[in-house]
């Protein structure tokens, strides 16, 4: 689903609409604008960052690939702002990914995703590789960025606690098909499909530590 939204895969059925436009029909500047509007944060913070690139190079790459978005003379200042926005320091710009923890690397990945001022972030299991404490910190960061920047998220996860606490709406999928779609509170309280009921059957029996 994420790859289809990002137009990396072509759907075998249905359409992806963004502001009323079928994204498969976009071309030229319309397609470039769409791709700038959606950015992704991937699951593994160790493999999603090039270990041979400095943090400055990693954060500058979106501007290099999208000439005209930001004057090159502003790259370092803007990269420093992005790092500070995700809770890191401007002095980290000249470091390399190997000098950071997993949680810090994921913050760098989030900063990179914000470089083009997107409207939507697609988070593909973006915290599942992190330990519980760091996971909470990154989730809090994502919530703060949502409120501050007016972002929307497509948040892909198997952790039902995260889904319940973070999502406004839920799509339950099975074998590539949506089997349930609704407000989070409604889906968790009264799931309509057999599959969603099965997923949620043991949900109340386990709770994350406070």
C-alpha atoms as a PDB file:
ATOM      1  CA  UNK A   1       0.000   0.000   0.000  1.00  0.00           C
ATOM      2  CA  UNK A   2       2.783   2.433   0.909  1.00  0.00           C
ATOM      3  CA  UNK A   3       4.671   1.707  -2.299  1.00  0.00           C
ATOM      4  CA  UNK A   4       1.506   2.301  -4.310  1.00  0.00           C
ATOM      5  CA  UNK A   5       0.838   5.628  -2.571  1.00  0.00           C
ATOM      6  CA  UNK A   6       4.446   6.663  -3.276  1.00  0.00           C
ATOM      7  CA  UNK A   7       3.976   5.587  -6.914  1.00  0.00           C
ATOM      8  CA  UNK A   8       6.737   3.017  -6.697  1.00  0.00           C
ATOM      9  CA  UNK A   9       4.214   0.288  -7.597  1.00  0.00           C
ATOM     10  CA  UNK A  10       1.251   0.494  -9.939  1.00  0.00           C
ATOM     11  CA  UNK A  11      -2.050  -0.669  -8.394  1.00  0.00           C
ATOM     12  CA  UNK A  12      -3.735  -3.717  -9.906  1.00  0.00           C
ATOM     13  CA  UNK A  13      -7.094  -2.279  -8.874  1.00  0.00           C
ATOM     14  CA  UNK A  14      -8.553   0.893  -7.468  1.00  0.00           C
ATOM     15  CA  UNK A  15      -7.016   4.357  -7.468  1.00  0.00           C
ATOM     16  CA  UNK A  16      -4.901   6.566  -5.225  1.00  0.00           C
ATOM     17  CA  UNK A  17      -6.372  10.068  -5.041  1.00  0.00           C
ATOM     18  CA  UNK A  18      -4.545  13.112  -3.670  1.00  0.00           C
ATOM     19  CA  UNK A  19      -6.465  16.383  -3.604  1.00  0.00           C
ATOM     20  CA  UNK A  20      -8.920  14.747  -5.972  1.00  0.00           C
ATOM     21  CA  UNK A  21      -6.285  13.820  -8.575  1.00  0.00           C
ATOM     22  CA  UNK A  22      -5.449  10.257  -9.607  1.00  0.00           C
ATOM     23  CA  UNK A  23      -1.729  10.052  -8.820  1.00  0.00           C
ATOM     24  CA  UNK A  24      -1.130   7.478 -11.575  1.00  0.00           C
ATOM     25  CA  UNK A  25      -2.108  10.147 -14.097  1.00  0.00           C
ATOM     26  CA  UNK A  26       0.279  12.800 -12.800  1.00  0.00           C
ATOM     27  CA  UNK A  27       3.260  13.785 -14.940  1.00  0.00           C
ATOM     28  CA  UNK A  28       5.894  16.488 -15.189  1.00  0.00           C
ATOM     29  CA  UNK A  29       5.785  19.196 -12.546  1.00  0.00           C
ATOM     30  CA  UNK A  30       2.510  17.872 -11.138  1.00  0.00           C
ATOM     31  CA  UNK A  31       4.202  14.536 -10.401  1.00  0.00           C
ATOM     32  CA  UNK A  32       7.283  16.252  -8.967  1.00  0.00           C
ATOM     33  CA  UNK A  33       5.083  18.366  -6.696  1.00  0.00           C
ATOM     34  CA  UNK A  34       3.195  15.267  -5.559  1.00  0.00           C
ATOM     35  CA  UNK A  35       6.409  13.435  -4.732  1.00  0.00           C
ATOM     36  CA  UNK A  36       7.647  16.397  -2.714  1.00  0.00           C
ATOM     37  CA  UNK A  37       4.360  16.386  -0.804  1.00  0.00           C
ATOM     38  CA  UNK A  38       4.812  12.781   0.361  1.00  0.00           C
ATOM     39  CA  UNK A  39       7.933  11.503   2.077  1.00  0.00           C
ATOM     40  CA  UNK A  40       8.743   8.221   3.821  1.00  0.00           C
ATOM     41  CA  UNK A  41      10.350   7.119   7.079  1.00  0.00           C
ATOM     42  CA  UNK A  42      11.448   3.503   6.870  1.00  0.00           C
ATOM     43  CA  UNK A  43      11.608   0.722   9.423  1.00  0.00           C
ATOM     44  CA  UNK A  44      15.334   0.169   9.859  1.00  0.00           C
ATOM     45  CA  UNK A  45      17.300   3.279  10.903  1.00  0.00           C
ATOM     46  CA  UNK A  46      20.543   1.394  10.263  1.00  0.00           C
ATOM     47  CA  UNK A  47      19.971   0.547   6.600  1.00  0.00           C
ATOM     48  CA  UNK A  48      18.000   3.656   5.575  1.00  0.00           C
ATOM     49  CA  UNK A  49      20.975   6.020   6.033  1.00  0.00           C
ATOM     50  CA  UNK A  50      24.105   5.785   3.875  1.00  0.00           C
ATOM     51  CA  UNK A  51      26.998   5.191   6.312  1.00  0.00           C
ATOM     52  CA  UNK A  52      29.434   6.955   3.957  1.00  0.00           C
ATOM     53  CA  UNK A  53      27.473  10.210   3.923  1.00  0.00           C
ATOM     54  CA  UNK A  54      27.648  12.867   6.607  1.00  0.00           C
ATOM     55  CA  UNK A  55      24.424  14.020   8.227  1.00  0.00           C
ATOM     56  CA  UNK A  56      24.690  17.261   6.247  1.00  0.00           C
ATOM     57  CA  UNK A  57      24.948  15.316   2.975  1.00  0.00           C
ATOM     58  CA  UNK A  58      22.019  13.083   3.955  1.00  0.00           C
ATOM     59  CA  UNK A  59      19.784  16.053   4.752  1.00  0.00           C
ATOM     60  CA  UNK A  60      20.918  17.973   1.658  1.00  0.00           C
ATOM     61  CA  UNK A  61      20.254  15.158  -0.801  1.00  0.00           C
ATOM     62  CA  UNK A  62      16.523  15.986  -1.206  1.00  0.00           C
ATOM     63  CA  UNK A  63      17.459  19.554  -2.234  1.00  0.00           C
ATOM     64  CA  UNK A  64      20.133  18.256  -4.592  1.00  0.00           C
ATOM     65  CA  UNK A  65      17.547  16.019  -6.261  1.00  0.00           C
ATOM     66  CA  UNK A  66      14.998  18.838  -6.401  1.00  0.00           C
ATOM     67  CA  UNK A  67      16.890  21.866  -7.729  1.00  0.00           C
ATOM     68  CA  UNK A  68      15.206  25.179  -7.141  1.00  0.00           C
ATOM     69  CA  UNK A  69      13.599  24.182  -3.842  1.00  0.00           C
ATOM     70  CA  UNK A  70      16.343  25.727  -1.707  1.00  0.00           C
ATOM     71  CA  UNK A  71      19.362  27.850  -2.591  1.00  0.00           C
ATOM     72  CA  UNK A  72      22.551  25.867  -1.984  1.00  0.00           C
ATOM     73  CA  UNK A  73      23.887  28.659   0.219  1.00  0.00           C
ATOM     74  CA  UNK A  74      21.031  27.911   2.636  1.00  0.00           C
ATOM     75  CA  UNK A  75      21.515  24.152   2.844  1.00  0.00           C
ATOM     76  CA  UNK A  76      23.640  24.081   5.990  1.00  0.00           C
ATOM     77  CA  UNK A  77      21.451  26.525   7.920  1.00  0.00           C
ATOM     78  CA  UNK A  78      18.269  24.704   6.944  1.00  0.00           C
ATOM     79  CA  UNK A  79      19.811  21.311   7.770  1.00  0.00           C
ATOM     80  CA  UNK A  80      20.754  22.629  11.220  1.00  0.00           C
ATOM     81  CA  UNK A  81      17.157  23.787  11.737  1.00  0.00           C
ATOM     82  CA  UNK A  82      15.841  20.365  10.753  1.00  0.00           C
ATOM     83  CA  UNK A  83      18.154  18.612  13.208  1.00  0.00           C
ATOM     84  CA  UNK A  84      17.075  20.894  16.024  1.00  0.00           C
ATOM     85  CA  UNK A  85      13.454  20.303  15.056  1.00  0.00           C
ATOM     86  CA  UNK A  86      13.869  16.572  15.707  1.00  0.00           C
ATOM     87  CA  UNK A  87      15.764  17.003  18.972  1.00  0.00           C
ATOM     88  CA  UNK A  88      19.367  16.792  17.739  1.00  0.00           C
ATOM     89  CA  UNK A  89      22.078  19.481  17.654  1.00  0.00           C
ATOM     90  CA  UNK A  90      23.422  21.535  14.761  1.00  0.00           C
ATOM     91  CA  UNK A  91      26.889  20.313  15.768  1.00  0.00           C
ATOM     92  CA  UNK A  92      25.839  16.833  14.576  1.00  0.00           C
ATOM     93  CA  UNK A  93      25.836  17.915  10.931  1.00  0.00           C
ATOM     94  CA  UNK A  94      29.399  16.795  10.221  1.00  0.00           C
ATOM     95  CA  UNK A  95      29.039  13.414  11.940  1.00  0.00           C
ATOM     96  CA  UNK A  96      28.262  10.106  10.238  1.00  0.00           C
ATOM     97  CA  UNK A  97      25.427   7.631  10.936  1.00  0.00           C
ATOM     98  CA  UNK A  98      27.755   5.216  12.746  1.00  0.00           C
ATOM     99  CA  UNK A  99      28.220   7.810  15.499  1.00  0.00           C
ATOM    100  CA  UNK A 100      24.540   7.708  16.479  1.00  0.00           C
ATOM    101  CA  UNK A 101      22.205   5.337  18.308  1.00  0.00           C
ATOM    102  CA  UNK A 102      19.229   3.736  16.557  1.00  0.00           C
ATOM    103  CA  UNK A 103      16.815   6.298  17.959  1.00  0.00           C
ATOM    104  CA  UNK A 104      19.047   9.177  16.891  1.00  0.00           C
ATOM    105  CA  UNK A 105      19.370   7.713  13.403  1.00  0.00           C
ATOM    106  CA  UNK A 106      15.601   7.521  13.119  1.00  0.00           C
ATOM    107  CA  UNK A 107      15.432  11.195  14.118  1.00  0.00           C
ATOM    108  CA  UNK A 108      17.864  11.953  11.283  1.00  0.00           C
ATOM    109  CA  UNK A 109      15.647   9.957   8.909  1.00  0.00           C
ATOM    110  CA  UNK A 110      12.645  12.007  10.055  1.00  0.00           C
ATOM    111  CA  UNK A 111      14.613  15.236   9.526  1.00  0.00           C
ATOM    112  CA  UNK A 112      15.465  14.098   5.985  1.00  0.00           C
ATOM    113  CA  UNK A 113      11.797  13.358   5.328  1.00  0.00           C
ATOM    114  CA  UNK A 114      10.910  16.905   6.421  1.00  0.00           C
ATOM    115  CA  UNK A 115      13.488  18.569   4.158  1.00  0.00           C
ATOM    116  CA  UNK A 116      11.008  19.169   1.309  1.00  0.00           C
ATOM    117  CA  UNK A 117       8.223  20.411   3.631  1.00  0.00           C
ATOM    118  CA  UNK A 118       5.873  17.509   2.849  1.00  0.00           C
ATOM    119  CA  UNK A 119       2.213  17.358   3.749  1.00  0.00           C
ATOM    120  CA  UNK A 120       2.187  13.600   4.386  1.00  0.00           C
ATOM    121  CA  UNK A 121       4.734  11.279   5.983  1.00  0.00           C
ATOM    122  CA  UNK A 122       4.455   7.565   5.340  1.00  0.00           C
ATOM    123  CA  UNK A 123       5.886   5.771   8.375  1.00  0.00           C
ATOM    124  CA  UNK A 124       6.512   2.138   7.524  1.00  0.00           C
ATOM    125  CA  UNK A 125       6.943   0.381  10.895  1.00  0.00           C
ATOM    126  CA  UNK A 126       9.069   3.415  11.763  1.00  0.00           C
ATOM    127  CA  UNK A 127       9.524   2.555  15.452  1.00  0.00           C
ATOM    128  CA  UNK A 128       9.352  -1.248  15.491  1.00  0.00           C
ATOM    129  CA  UNK A 129      13.157  -1.630  15.439  1.00  0.00           C
ATOM    130  CA  UNK A 130      13.587   0.596  18.522  1.00  0.00           C
ATOM    131  CA  UNK A 131      13.462  -0.385  22.165  1.00  0.00           C
ATOM    132  CA  UNK A 132      10.384   0.600  24.140  1.00  0.00           C
ATOM    133  CA  UNK A 133      11.737   3.783  25.758  1.00  0.00           C
ATOM    134  CA  UNK A 134      13.200   5.151  22.510  1.00  0.00           C
ATOM    135  CA  UNK A 135      10.032   4.118  20.707  1.00  0.00           C
ATOM    136  CA  UNK A 136       7.961   6.301  23.029  1.00  0.00           C
ATOM    137  CA  UNK A 137      10.307   9.243  22.502  1.00  0.00           C
ATOM    138  CA  UNK A 138      10.085   8.975  18.707  1.00  0.00           C
ATOM    139  CA  UNK A 139       6.300   8.643  18.855  1.00  0.00           C
ATOM    140  CA  UNK A 140       6.136  11.787  20.980  1.00  0.00           C
ATOM    141  CA  UNK A 141       8.312  13.560  18.405  1.00  0.00           C
ATOM    142  CA  UNK A 142       6.013  12.465  15.570  1.00  0.00           C
ATOM    143  CA  UNK A 143       2.981  13.751  17.495  1.00  0.00           C
ATOM    144  CA  UNK A 144       4.674  17.099  18.157  1.00  0.00           C
ATOM    145  CA  UNK A 145       5.638  17.470  14.488  1.00  0.00           C
ATOM    146  CA  UNK A 146       2.082  16.610  13.435  1.00  0.00           C
ATOM    147  CA  UNK A 147       0.670  19.352  15.625  1.00  0.00           C
ATOM    148  CA  UNK A 148       3.365  21.937  14.855  1.00  0.00           C
ATOM    149  CA  UNK A 149       3.617  21.421  11.094  1.00  0.00           C
ATOM    150  CA  UNK A 150       0.095  20.248  10.304  1.00  0.00           C
ATOM    151  CA  UNK A 151       1.350  16.916   8.969  1.00  0.00           C
ATOM    152  CA  UNK A 152      -0.741  13.894   8.101  1.00  0.00           C
ATOM    153  CA  UNK A 153       0.645  10.392   8.567  1.00  0.00           C
ATOM    154  CA  UNK A 154       0.101   7.040   6.951  1.00  0.00           C
ATOM    155  CA  UNK A 155       1.308   5.028   9.934  1.00  0.00           C
ATOM    156  CA  UNK A 156       1.873   1.353   9.176  1.00  0.00           C
ATOM    157  CA  UNK A 157       2.199  -0.788  12.295  1.00  0.00           C
ATOM    158  CA  UNK A 158       1.408  -4.144  13.859  1.00  0.00           C
ATOM    159  CA  UNK A 159       1.557  -2.812  17.438  1.00  0.00           C
ATOM    160  CA  UNK A 160      -2.097  -2.223  18.300  1.00  0.00           C
ATOM    161  CA  UNK A 161      -1.243  -0.053  21.298  1.00  0.00           C
ATOM    162  CA  UNK A 162       0.614   2.383  19.059  1.00  0.00           C
ATOM    163  CA  UNK A 163      -2.227   2.362  16.560  1.00  0.00           C
ATOM    164  CA  UNK A 164      -4.855   3.027  19.228  1.00  0.00           C
ATOM    165  CA  UNK A 165      -2.906   5.886  20.817  1.00  0.00           C
ATOM    166  CA  UNK A 166      -1.698   7.580  17.616  1.00  0.00           C
ATOM    167  CA  UNK A 167      -4.141   7.068  14.765  1.00  0.00           C
ATOM    168  CA  UNK A 168      -7.320   9.027  14.035  1.00  0.00           C
ATOM    169  CA  UNK A 169      -8.564   6.430  11.557  1.00  0.00           C
ATOM    170  CA  UNK A 170      -7.647   2.795  11.066  1.00  0.00           C
ATOM    171  CA  UNK A 171      -7.497   0.558   8.023  1.00  0.00           C
ATOM    172  CA  UNK A 172      -7.252  -3.137   8.877  1.00  0.00           C
ATOM    173  CA  UNK A 173      -5.715  -5.055   5.990  1.00  0.00           C
ATOM    174  CA  UNK A 174      -5.487  -8.725   5.188  1.00  0.00           C
ATOM    175  CA  UNK A 175      -3.691 -10.158   2.157  1.00  0.00           C
ATOM    176  CA  UNK A 176      -3.496  -6.712   0.572  1.00  0.00           C
ATOM    177  CA  UNK A 177      -7.183  -5.895   0.968  1.00  0.00           C
ATOM    178  CA  UNK A 178      -8.876  -3.505   3.396  1.00  0.00           C
ATOM    179  CA  UNK A 179     -11.274  -5.479   5.590  1.00  0.00           C
ATOM    180  CA  UNK A 180     -12.116  -2.697   8.049  1.00  0.00           C
ATOM    181  CA  UNK A 181     -12.045   1.095   7.820  1.00  0.00           C
ATOM    182  CA  UNK A 182     -13.186   3.553  10.455  1.00  0.00           C
ATOM    183  CA  UNK A 183     -12.476   5.890  13.320  1.00  0.00           C
ATOM    184  CA  UNK A 184      -9.928   4.378  15.687  1.00  0.00           C
ATOM    185  CA  UNK A 185     -12.241   4.464  18.714  1.00  0.00           C
ATOM    186  CA  UNK A 186     -15.036   2.773  16.744  1.00  0.00           C
ATOM    187  CA  UNK A 187     -12.836   0.035  15.284  1.00  0.00           C
ATOM    188  CA  UNK A 188     -11.320  -0.805  18.659  1.00  0.00           C
ATOM    189  CA  UNK A 189     -14.660  -0.720  20.475  1.00  0.00           C
ATOM    190  CA  UNK A 190     -16.847  -2.520  17.944  1.00  0.00           C
ATOM    191  CA  UNK A 191     -14.874  -4.161  15.123  1.00  0.00           C
ATOM    192  CA  UNK A 192     -17.147  -5.238  12.294  1.00  0.00           C
ATOM    193  CA  UNK A 193     -15.075  -7.793  10.396  1.00  0.00           C
ATOM    194  CA  UNK A 194     -14.164 -11.259  11.655  1.00  0.00           C
ATOM    195  CA  UNK A 195     -10.474 -10.562  11.030  1.00  0.00           C
ATOM    196  CA  UNK A 196     -10.474  -7.315  13.035  1.00  0.00           C
ATOM    197  CA  UNK A 197     -12.320  -9.049  15.869  1.00  0.00           C
ATOM    198  CA  UNK A 198      -9.648 -11.755  15.834  1.00  0.00           C
ATOM    199  CA  UNK A 199      -6.839  -9.204  15.937  1.00  0.00           C
ATOM    200  CA  UNK A 200      -8.419  -7.356  18.831  1.00  0.00           C
ATOM    201  CA  UNK A 201      -9.549 -10.407  20.798  1.00  0.00           C
ATOM    202  CA  UNK A 202      -6.538 -10.412  23.137  1.00  0.00           C
ATOM    203  CA  UNK A 203      -5.851  -6.683  23.002  1.00  0.00           C
ATOM    204  CA  UNK A 204      -7.255  -5.926  26.451  1.00  0.00           C
ATOM    205  CA  UNK A 205      -5.225  -8.672  28.109  1.00  0.00           C
ATOM    206  CA  UNK A 206      -1.812  -7.057  27.590  1.00  0.00           C
ATOM    207  CA  UNK A 207      -0.721  -3.548  28.376  1.00  0.00           C
ATOM    208  CA  UNK A 208       2.556  -1.741  27.869  1.00  0.00           C
ATOM    209  CA  UNK A 209       4.225  -0.468  31.069  1.00  0.00           C
ATOM    210  CA  UNK A 210       3.156   3.075  31.957  1.00  0.00           C
END
